[in-house]
Amino acid sequence: FLDTVLNVRLPNPFMPDTPQRIATDTSQK
């Protein structure tokens, strides 16, 4: 699962996900 996250999912250049969106509610995470 971790291999897939690091080598397939997170590096995917087509996925327009931003650090600014994911940083939402960090205190709760």
PDB file of all heavy atoms in Angstrom:
ATOM      1  N   PHE A   1       0.836  -1.199   0.000  1.00  0.00           N
ATOM      2  CA  PHE A   1       0.000   0.000   0.000  1.00  0.00           C
ATOM      3  C   PHE A   1       0.868   1.245   0.000  1.00  0.00           C
ATOM      4  O   PHE A   1       0.649   2.184  -0.773  1.00  0.00           O
ATOM      5  CB  PHE A   1      -0.917  -0.024   1.228  1.00  0.00           C
ATOM      6  CG  PHE A   1      -1.938   1.081   1.276  1.00  0.00           C
ATOM      7  CD1 PHE A   1      -3.190   0.918   0.721  1.00  0.00           C
ATOM      8  CD2 PHE A   1      -1.635   2.300   1.875  1.00  0.00           C
ATOM      9  CE1 PHE A   1      -4.134   1.945   0.762  1.00  0.00           C
ATOM     10  CE2 PHE A   1      -2.563   3.335   1.930  1.00  0.00           C
ATOM     11  CZ  PHE A   1      -3.821   3.144   1.365  1.00  0.00           C
ATOM     12  N   LEU A   2       1.894   1.262   0.865  1.00  0.00           N
ATOM     13  CA  LEU A   2       2.793   2.410   0.955  1.00  0.00           C
ATOM     14  C   LEU A   2       3.588   2.579  -0.328  1.00  0.00           C
ATOM     15  O   LEU A   2       3.793   3.706  -0.807  1.00  0.00           O
ATOM     16  CB  LEU A   2       3.730   2.224   2.149  1.00  0.00           C
ATOM     17  CG  LEU A   2       4.703   3.358   2.478  1.00  0.00           C
ATOM     18  CD1 LEU A   2       3.976   4.677   2.675  1.00  0.00           C
ATOM     19  CD2 LEU A   2       5.497   3.006   3.737  1.00  0.00           C
ATOM     20  N   ASP A   3       4.047   1.472  -0.912  1.00  0.00           N
ATOM     21  CA  ASP A   3       4.756   1.541  -2.199  1.00  0.00           C
ATOM     22  C   ASP A   3       3.887   2.231  -3.252  1.00  0.00           C
ATOM     23  O   ASP A   3       4.367   3.082  -4.021  1.00  0.00           O
ATOM     24  CB  ASP A   3       5.117   0.135  -2.691  1.00  0.00           C
ATOM     25  CG  ASP A   3       6.228  -0.518  -1.890  1.00  0.00           C
ATOM     26  OD1 ASP A   3       6.937   0.197  -1.161  1.00  0.00           O
ATOM     27  OD2 ASP A   3       6.381  -1.754  -1.997  1.00  0.00           O
ATOM     28  N   THR A   4       2.608   1.864  -3.292  1.00  0.00           N
ATOM     29  CA  THR A   4       1.696   2.445  -4.276  1.00  0.00           C
ATOM     30  C   THR A   4       1.471   3.931  -4.016  1.00  0.00           C
ATOM     31  O   THR A   4       1.436   4.744  -4.950  1.00  0.00           O
ATOM     32  CB  THR A   4       0.352   1.690  -4.256  1.00  0.00           C
ATOM     33  OG1 THR A   4       0.579   0.311  -4.545  1.00  0.00           O
ATOM     34  CG2 THR A   4      -0.609   2.260  -5.289  1.00  0.00           C
ATOM     35  N   VAL A   5       1.327   4.298  -2.748  1.00  0.00           N
ATOM     36  CA  VAL A   5       1.162   5.712  -2.401  1.00  0.00           C
ATOM     37  C   VAL A   5       2.346   6.536  -2.891  1.00  0.00           C
ATOM     38  O   VAL A   5       2.188   7.586  -3.516  1.00  0.00           O
ATOM     39  CB  VAL A   5       0.993   5.867  -0.874  1.00  0.00           C
ATOM     40  CG1 VAL A   5       1.137   7.332  -0.463  1.00  0.00           C
ATOM     41  CG2 VAL A   5      -0.370   5.342  -0.440  1.00  0.00           C
ATOM     42  N   LEU A   6       3.551   6.044  -2.622  1.00  0.00           N
ATOM     43  CA  LEU A   6       4.763   6.815  -2.921  1.00  0.00           C
ATOM     44  C   LEU A   6       5.143   6.803  -4.392  1.00  0.00           C
ATOM     45  O   LEU A   6       5.697   7.786  -4.898  1.00  0.00           O
ATOM     46  CB  LEU A   6       5.925   6.285  -2.087  1.00  0.00           C
ATOM     47  CG  LEU A   6       5.872   6.633  -0.598  1.00  0.00           C
ATOM     48  CD1 LEU A   6       6.823   5.758   0.203  1.00  0.00           C
ATOM     49  CD2 LEU A   6       6.196   8.100  -0.384  1.00  0.00           C
ATOM     50  N   ASN A   7       4.831   5.713  -5.087  1.00  0.00           N
ATOM     51  CA  ASN A   7       5.314   5.567  -6.452  1.00  0.00           C
ATOM     52  C   ASN A   7       4.251   5.734  -7.528  1.00  0.00           C
ATOM     53  O   ASN A   7       4.594   5.933  -8.701  1.00  0.00           O
ATOM     54  CB  ASN A   7       5.983   4.191  -6.614  1.00  0.00           C
ATOM     55  CG  ASN A   7       7.157   4.015  -5.674  1.00  0.00           C
ATOM     56  OD1 ASN A   7       7.984   4.900  -5.526  1.00  0.00           O
ATOM     57  ND2 ASN A   7       7.224   2.862  -5.016  1.00  0.00           N
ATOM     58  N   VAL A   8       2.980   5.656  -7.119  1.00  0.00           N
ATOM     59  CA  VAL A   8       1.903   5.761  -8.103  1.00  0.00           C
ATOM     60  C   VAL A   8       0.970   6.924  -7.799  1.00  0.00           C
ATOM     61  O   VAL A   8       0.682   7.746  -8.683  1.00  0.00           O
ATOM     62  CB  VAL A   8       1.098   4.436  -8.170  1.00  0.00           C
ATOM     63  CG1 VAL A   8      -0.068   4.571  -9.154  1.00  0.00           C
ATOM     64  CG2 VAL A   8       1.999   3.269  -8.557  1.00  0.00           C
ATOM     65  N   ARG A   9       0.535   7.036  -6.554  1.00  0.00           N
ATOM     66  CA  ARG A   9      -0.547   7.963  -6.247  1.00  0.00           C
ATOM     67  C   ARG A   9      -0.060   9.402  -6.069  1.00  0.00           C
ATOM     68  O   ARG A   9      -0.519  10.319  -6.759  1.00  0.00           O
ATOM     69  CB  ARG A   9      -1.300   7.482  -5.003  1.00  0.00           C
ATOM     70  CG  ARG A   9      -1.836   6.070  -5.144  1.00  0.00           C
ATOM     71  CD  ARG A   9      -2.602   5.624  -3.931  1.00  0.00           C
ATOM     72  NE  ARG A   9      -3.856   6.351  -3.791  1.00  0.00           N
ATOM     73  CZ  ARG A   9      -4.684   6.200  -2.781  1.00  0.00           C
ATOM     74  NH1 ARG A   9      -4.387   5.353  -1.794  1.00  0.00           N
ATOM     75  NH2 ARG A   9      -5.800   6.890  -2.729  1.00  0.00           N
ATOM     76  N   LEU A  10       0.836   9.616  -5.139  1.00  0.00           N
ATOM     77  CA  LEU A  10       1.274  10.990  -4.859  1.00  0.00           C
ATOM     78  C   LEU A  10       2.020  11.637  -6.024  1.00  0.00           C
ATOM     79  O   LEU A  10       1.864  12.837  -6.252  1.00  0.00           O
ATOM     80  CB  LEU A  10       2.132  11.020  -3.586  1.00  0.00           C
ATOM     81  CG  LEU A  10       1.408  10.652  -2.288  1.00  0.00           C
ATOM     82  CD1 LEU A  10       2.373  10.711  -1.107  1.00  0.00           C
ATOM     83  CD2 LEU A  10       0.214  11.565  -2.032  1.00  0.00           C
ATOM     84  N   PRO A  11       2.834  10.899  -6.799  1.00  0.00           N
ATOM     85  CA  PRO A  11       3.555  11.557  -7.897  1.00  0.00           C
ATOM     86  C   PRO A  11       2.705  11.802  -9.138  1.00  0.00           C
ATOM     87  O   PRO A  11       3.212  12.377 -10.108  1.00  0.00           O
ATOM     88  CB  PRO A  11       4.684  10.552  -8.232  1.00  0.00           C
ATOM     89  CG  PRO A  11       4.686   9.541  -7.151  1.00  0.00           C
ATOM     90  CD  PRO A  11       3.293   9.503  -6.611  1.00  0.00           C
ATOM     91  N   ASN A  12       1.450  11.365  -9.139  1.00  0.00           N
ATOM     92  CA  ASN A  12       0.615  11.461 -10.338  1.00  0.00           C
ATOM     93  C   ASN A  12       0.462  12.914 -10.782  1.00  0.00           C
ATOM     94  O   ASN A  12      -0.217  13.710 -10.122  1.00  0.00           O
ATOM     95  CB  ASN A  12      -0.763  10.857 -10.052  1.00  0.00           C
ATOM     96  CG  ASN A  12      -1.608  10.685 -11.297  1.00  0.00           C
ATOM     97  OD1 ASN A  12      -1.412  11.374 -12.292  1.00  0.00           O
ATOM     98  ND2 ASN A  12      -2.549   9.769 -11.243  1.00  0.00           N
ATOM     99  N   PRO A  13       1.072  13.302 -11.893  1.00  0.00           N
ATOM    100  CA  PRO A  13       1.052  14.711 -12.315  1.00  0.00           C
ATOM    101  C   PRO A  13      -0.314  15.188 -12.776  1.00  0.00           C
ATOM    102  O   PRO A  13      -0.560  16.392 -12.883  1.00  0.00           O
ATOM    103  CB  PRO A  13       2.060  14.740 -13.474  1.00  0.00           C
ATOM    104  CG  PRO A  13       2.031  13.353 -14.027  1.00  0.00           C
ATOM    105  CD  PRO A  13       1.810  12.449 -12.846  1.00  0.00           C
ATOM    106  N   PHE A  14      -1.218  14.254 -13.039  1.00  0.00           N
ATOM    107  CA  PHE A  14      -2.547  14.625 -13.507  1.00  0.00           C
ATOM    108  C   PHE A  14      -3.490  15.001 -12.371  1.00  0.00           C
ATOM    109  O   PHE A  14      -4.566  15.534 -12.611  1.00  0.00           O
ATOM    110  CB  PHE A  14      -3.173  13.479 -14.301  1.00  0.00           C
ATOM    111  CG  PHE A  14      -2.561  13.269 -15.649  1.00  0.00           C
ATOM    112  CD1 PHE A  14      -1.774  12.166 -15.899  1.00  0.00           C
ATOM    113  CD2 PHE A  14      -2.758  14.182 -16.672  1.00  0.00           C
ATOM    114  CE1 PHE A  14      -1.208  11.956 -17.142  1.00  0.00           C
ATOM    115  CE2 PHE A  14      -2.199  13.990 -17.921  1.00  0.00           C
ATOM    116  CZ  PHE A  14      -1.419  12.867 -18.154  1.00  0.00           C
ATOM    117  N   MET A  15      -3.115  14.663 -11.140  1.00  0.00           N
ATOM    118  CA  MET A  15      -4.026  14.895 -10.026  1.00  0.00           C
ATOM    119  C   MET A  15      -3.852  16.310  -9.489  1.00  0.00           C
ATOM    120  O   MET A  15      -2.813  16.643  -8.900  1.00  0.00           O
ATOM    121  CB  MET A  15      -3.775  13.880  -8.919  1.00  0.00           C
ATOM    122  CG  MET A  15      -4.098  12.447  -9.341  1.00  0.00           C
ATOM    123  SD  MET A  15      -5.775  12.259  -9.990  1.00  0.00           S
ATOM    124  CE  MET A  15      -6.714  12.641  -8.541  1.00  0.00           C
ATOM    125  N   PRO A  16      -4.821  17.181  -9.699  1.00  0.00           N
ATOM    126  CA  PRO A  16      -4.679  18.591  -9.320  1.00  0.00           C
ATOM    127  C   PRO A  16      -4.959  18.845  -7.848  1.00  0.00           C
ATOM    128  O   PRO A  16      -5.773  19.704  -7.489  1.00  0.00           O
ATOM    129  CB  PRO A  16      -5.709  19.279 -10.222  1.00  0.00           C
ATOM    130  CG  PRO A  16      -6.791  18.262 -10.378  1.00  0.00           C
ATOM    131  CD  PRO A  16      -6.111  16.917 -10.375  1.00  0.00           C
ATOM    132  N   ASP A  17      -4.306  18.085  -6.956  1.00  0.00           N
ATOM    133  CA  ASP A  17      -4.522  18.267  -5.527  1.00  0.00           C
ATOM    134  C   ASP A  17      -3.454  19.183  -4.962  1.00  0.00           C
ATOM    135  O   ASP A  17      -2.270  19.067  -5.302  1.00  0.00           O
ATOM    136  CB  ASP A  17      -4.496  16.923  -4.800  1.00  0.00           C
ATOM    137  CG  ASP A  17      -5.588  16.830  -3.754  1.00  0.00           C
ATOM    138  OD1 ASP A  17      -6.181  17.871  -3.425  1.00  0.00           O
ATOM    139  OD2 ASP A  17      -5.856  15.714  -3.257  1.00  0.00           O
ATOM    140  N   THR A  18      -3.834  20.082  -4.088  1.00  0.00           N
ATOM    141  CA  THR A  18      -2.935  21.122  -3.611  1.00  0.00           C
ATOM    142  C   THR A  18      -2.613  20.956  -2.136  1.00  0.00           C
ATOM    143  O   THR A  18      -3.450  20.495  -1.350  1.00  0.00           O
ATOM    144  CB  THR A  18      -3.558  22.515  -3.815  1.00  0.00           C
ATOM    145  OG1 THR A  18      -4.662  22.664  -2.916  1.00  0.00           O
ATOM    146  CG2 THR A  18      -4.035  22.701  -5.241  1.00  0.00           C
ATOM    147  N   PRO A  19      -1.388  21.351  -1.736  1.00  0.00           N
ATOM    148  CA  PRO A  19      -1.074  21.341  -0.301  1.00  0.00           C
ATOM    149  C   PRO A  19      -1.965  22.280   0.489  1.00  0.00           C
ATOM    150  O   PRO A  19      -2.278  22.020   1.656  1.00  0.00           O
ATOM    151  CB  PRO A  19       0.399  21.768  -0.258  1.00  0.00           C
ATOM    152  CG  PRO A  19       0.708  22.336  -1.586  1.00  0.00           C
ATOM    153  CD  PRO A  19      -0.232  21.734  -2.561  1.00  0.00           C
ATOM    154  N   GLN A  20      -2.404  23.356  -0.146  1.00  0.00           N
ATOM    155  CA  GLN A  20      -3.252  24.323   0.544  1.00  0.00           C
ATOM    156  C   GLN A  20      -4.601  23.698   0.929  1.00  0.00           C
ATOM    157  O   GLN A  20      -5.130  23.958   2.010  1.00  0.00           O
ATOM    158  CB  GLN A  20      -3.459  25.559  -0.339  1.00  0.00           C
ATOM    159  CG  GLN A  20      -2.223  26.411  -0.533  1.00  0.00           C
ATOM    160  CD  GLN A  20      -1.194  25.800  -1.473  1.00  0.00           C
ATOM    161  OE1 GLN A  20      -1.524  24.963  -2.315  1.00  0.00           O
ATOM    162  NE2 GLN A  20       0.060  26.221  -1.339  1.00  0.00           N
ATOM    163  N   ARG A  21      -5.151  22.850   0.059  1.00  0.00           N
ATOM    164  CA  ARG A  21      -6.418  22.187   0.390  1.00  0.00           C
ATOM    165  C   ARG A  21      -6.208  21.166   1.499  1.00  0.00           C
ATOM    166  O   ARG A  21      -6.990  21.092   2.451  1.00  0.00           O
ATOM    167  CB  ARG A  21      -7.006  21.495  -0.847  1.00  0.00           C
ATOM    168  CG  ARG A  21      -8.367  20.859  -0.581  1.00  0.00           C
ATOM    169  CD  ARG A  21      -8.823  19.976  -1.745  1.00  0.00           C
ATOM    170  NE  ARG A  21      -8.105  18.721  -1.804  1.00  0.00           N
ATOM    171  CZ  ARG A  21      -8.410  17.650  -1.087  1.00  0.00           C
ATOM    172  NH1 ARG A  21      -9.403  17.686  -0.211  1.00  0.00           N
ATOM    173  NH2 ARG A  21      -7.722  16.533  -1.224  1.00  0.00           N
ATOM    174  N   ILE A  22      -5.153  20.387   1.377  1.00  0.00           N
ATOM    175  CA  ILE A  22      -4.925  19.317   2.347  1.00  0.00           C
ATOM    176  C   ILE A  22      -4.541  19.883   3.709  1.00  0.00           C
ATOM    177  O   ILE A  22      -4.760  19.250   4.748  1.00  0.00           O
ATOM    178  CB  ILE A  22      -3.850  18.350   1.814  1.00  0.00           C
ATOM    179  CG1 ILE A  22      -4.361  17.683   0.535  1.00  0.00           C
ATOM    180  CG2 ILE A  22      -3.507  17.270   2.843  1.00  0.00           C
ATOM    181  CD1 ILE A  22      -3.327  16.883  -0.192  1.00  0.00           C
ATOM    182  N   ALA A  23      -3.996  21.101   3.744  1.00  0.00           N
ATOM    183  CA  ALA A  23      -3.618  21.724   5.019  1.00  0.00           C
ATOM    184  C   ALA A  23      -4.823  22.183   5.829  1.00  0.00           C
ATOM    185  O   ALA A  23      -4.677  22.579   6.994  1.00  0.00           O
ATOM    186  CB  ALA A  23      -2.681  22.902   4.763  1.00  0.00           C
ATOM    187  N   THR A  24      -5.996  22.129   5.241  1.00  0.00           N
ATOM    188  CA  THR A  24      -7.208  22.501   5.968  1.00  0.00           C
ATOM    189  C   THR A  24      -7.382  21.608   7.201  1.00  0.00           C
ATOM    190  O   THR A  24      -7.197  20.395   7.140  1.00  0.00           O
ATOM    191  CB  THR A  24      -8.432  22.359   5.043  1.00  0.00           C
ATOM    192  OG1 THR A  24      -8.273  23.233   3.922  1.00  0.00           O
ATOM    193  CG2 THR A  24      -9.707  22.713   5.780  1.00  0.00           C
ATOM    194  N   ASP A  25      -7.705  22.238   8.324  1.00  0.00           N
ATOM    195  CA  ASP A  25      -8.020  21.510   9.573  1.00  0.00           C
ATOM    196  C   ASP A  25      -6.864  20.655  10.090  1.00  0.00           C
ATOM    197  O   ASP A  25      -7.077  19.619  10.719  1.00  0.00           O
ATOM    198  CB  ASP A  25      -9.255  20.621   9.389  1.00  0.00           C
ATOM    199  CG  ASP A  25     -10.516  21.400   9.042  1.00  0.00           C
ATOM    200  OD1 ASP A  25     -10.544  22.612   9.295  1.00  0.00           O
ATOM    201  OD2 ASP A  25     -11.461  20.796   8.503  1.00  0.00           O
ATOM    202  N   THR A  26      -5.630  21.089   9.859  1.00  0.00           N
ATOM    203  CA  THR A  26      -4.487  20.283  10.290  1.00  0.00           C
ATOM    204  C   THR A  26      -4.505  20.031  11.795  1.00  0.00           C
ATOM    205  O   THR A  26      -4.122  18.940  12.261  1.00  0.00           O
ATOM    206  CB  THR A  26      -3.161  20.961   9.886  1.00  0.00           C
ATOM    207  OG1 THR A  26      -3.104  21.056   8.463  1.00  0.00           O
ATOM    208  CG2 THR A  26      -1.960  20.165  10.368  1.00  0.00           C
ATOM    209  N   SER A  27      -4.958  20.992  12.578  1.00  0.00           N
ATOM    210  CA  SER A  27      -4.984  20.806  14.035  1.00  0.00           C
ATOM    211  C   SER A  27      -5.852  19.625  14.446  1.00  0.00           C
ATOM    212  O   SER A  27      -5.659  19.029  15.505  1.00  0.00           O
ATOM    213  CB  SER A  27      -5.494  22.075  14.727  1.00  0.00           C
ATOM    214  OG  SER A  27      -6.881  22.268  14.483  1.00  0.00           O
ATOM    215  N   GLN A  28      -6.817  19.266  13.592  1.00  0.00           N
ATOM    216  CA  GLN A  28      -7.712  18.163  13.894  1.00  0.00           C
ATOM    217  C   GLN A  28      -7.146  16.814  13.427  1.00  0.00           C
ATOM    218  O   GLN A  28      -7.715  15.764  13.746  1.00  0.00           O
ATOM    219  CB  GLN A  28      -9.071  18.390  13.210  1.00  0.00           C
ATOM    220  CG  GLN A  28      -9.670  19.764  13.451  1.00  0.00           C
ATOM    221  CD  GLN A  28      -9.944  20.021  14.914  1.00  0.00           C
ATOM    222  OE1 GLN A  28     -10.784  19.365  15.517  1.00  0.00           O
ATOM    223  NE2 GLN A  28      -9.219  20.961  15.503  1.00  0.00           N
ATOM    224  N   LYS A  29      -6.053  16.857  12.692  1.00  0.00           N
ATOM    225  CA  LYS A  29      -5.511  15.653  12.061  1.00  0.00           C
ATOM    226  C   LYS A  29      -4.257  15.119  12.736  1.00  0.00           C
ATOM    227  O   LYS A  29      -3.960  13.925  12.652  1.00  0.00           O
ATOM    228  CB  LYS A  29      -5.197  15.944  10.584  1.00  0.00           C
ATOM    229  CG  LYS A  29      -6.382  16.393   9.759  1.00  0.00           C
ATOM    230  CD  LYS A  29      -5.944  16.864   8.387  1.00  0.00           C
ATOM    231  CE  LYS A  29      -7.115  17.328   7.531  1.00  0.00           C
ATOM    232  NZ  LYS A  29      -6.673  17.872   6.219  1.00  0.00           N
TER     233      LYS A  29
END
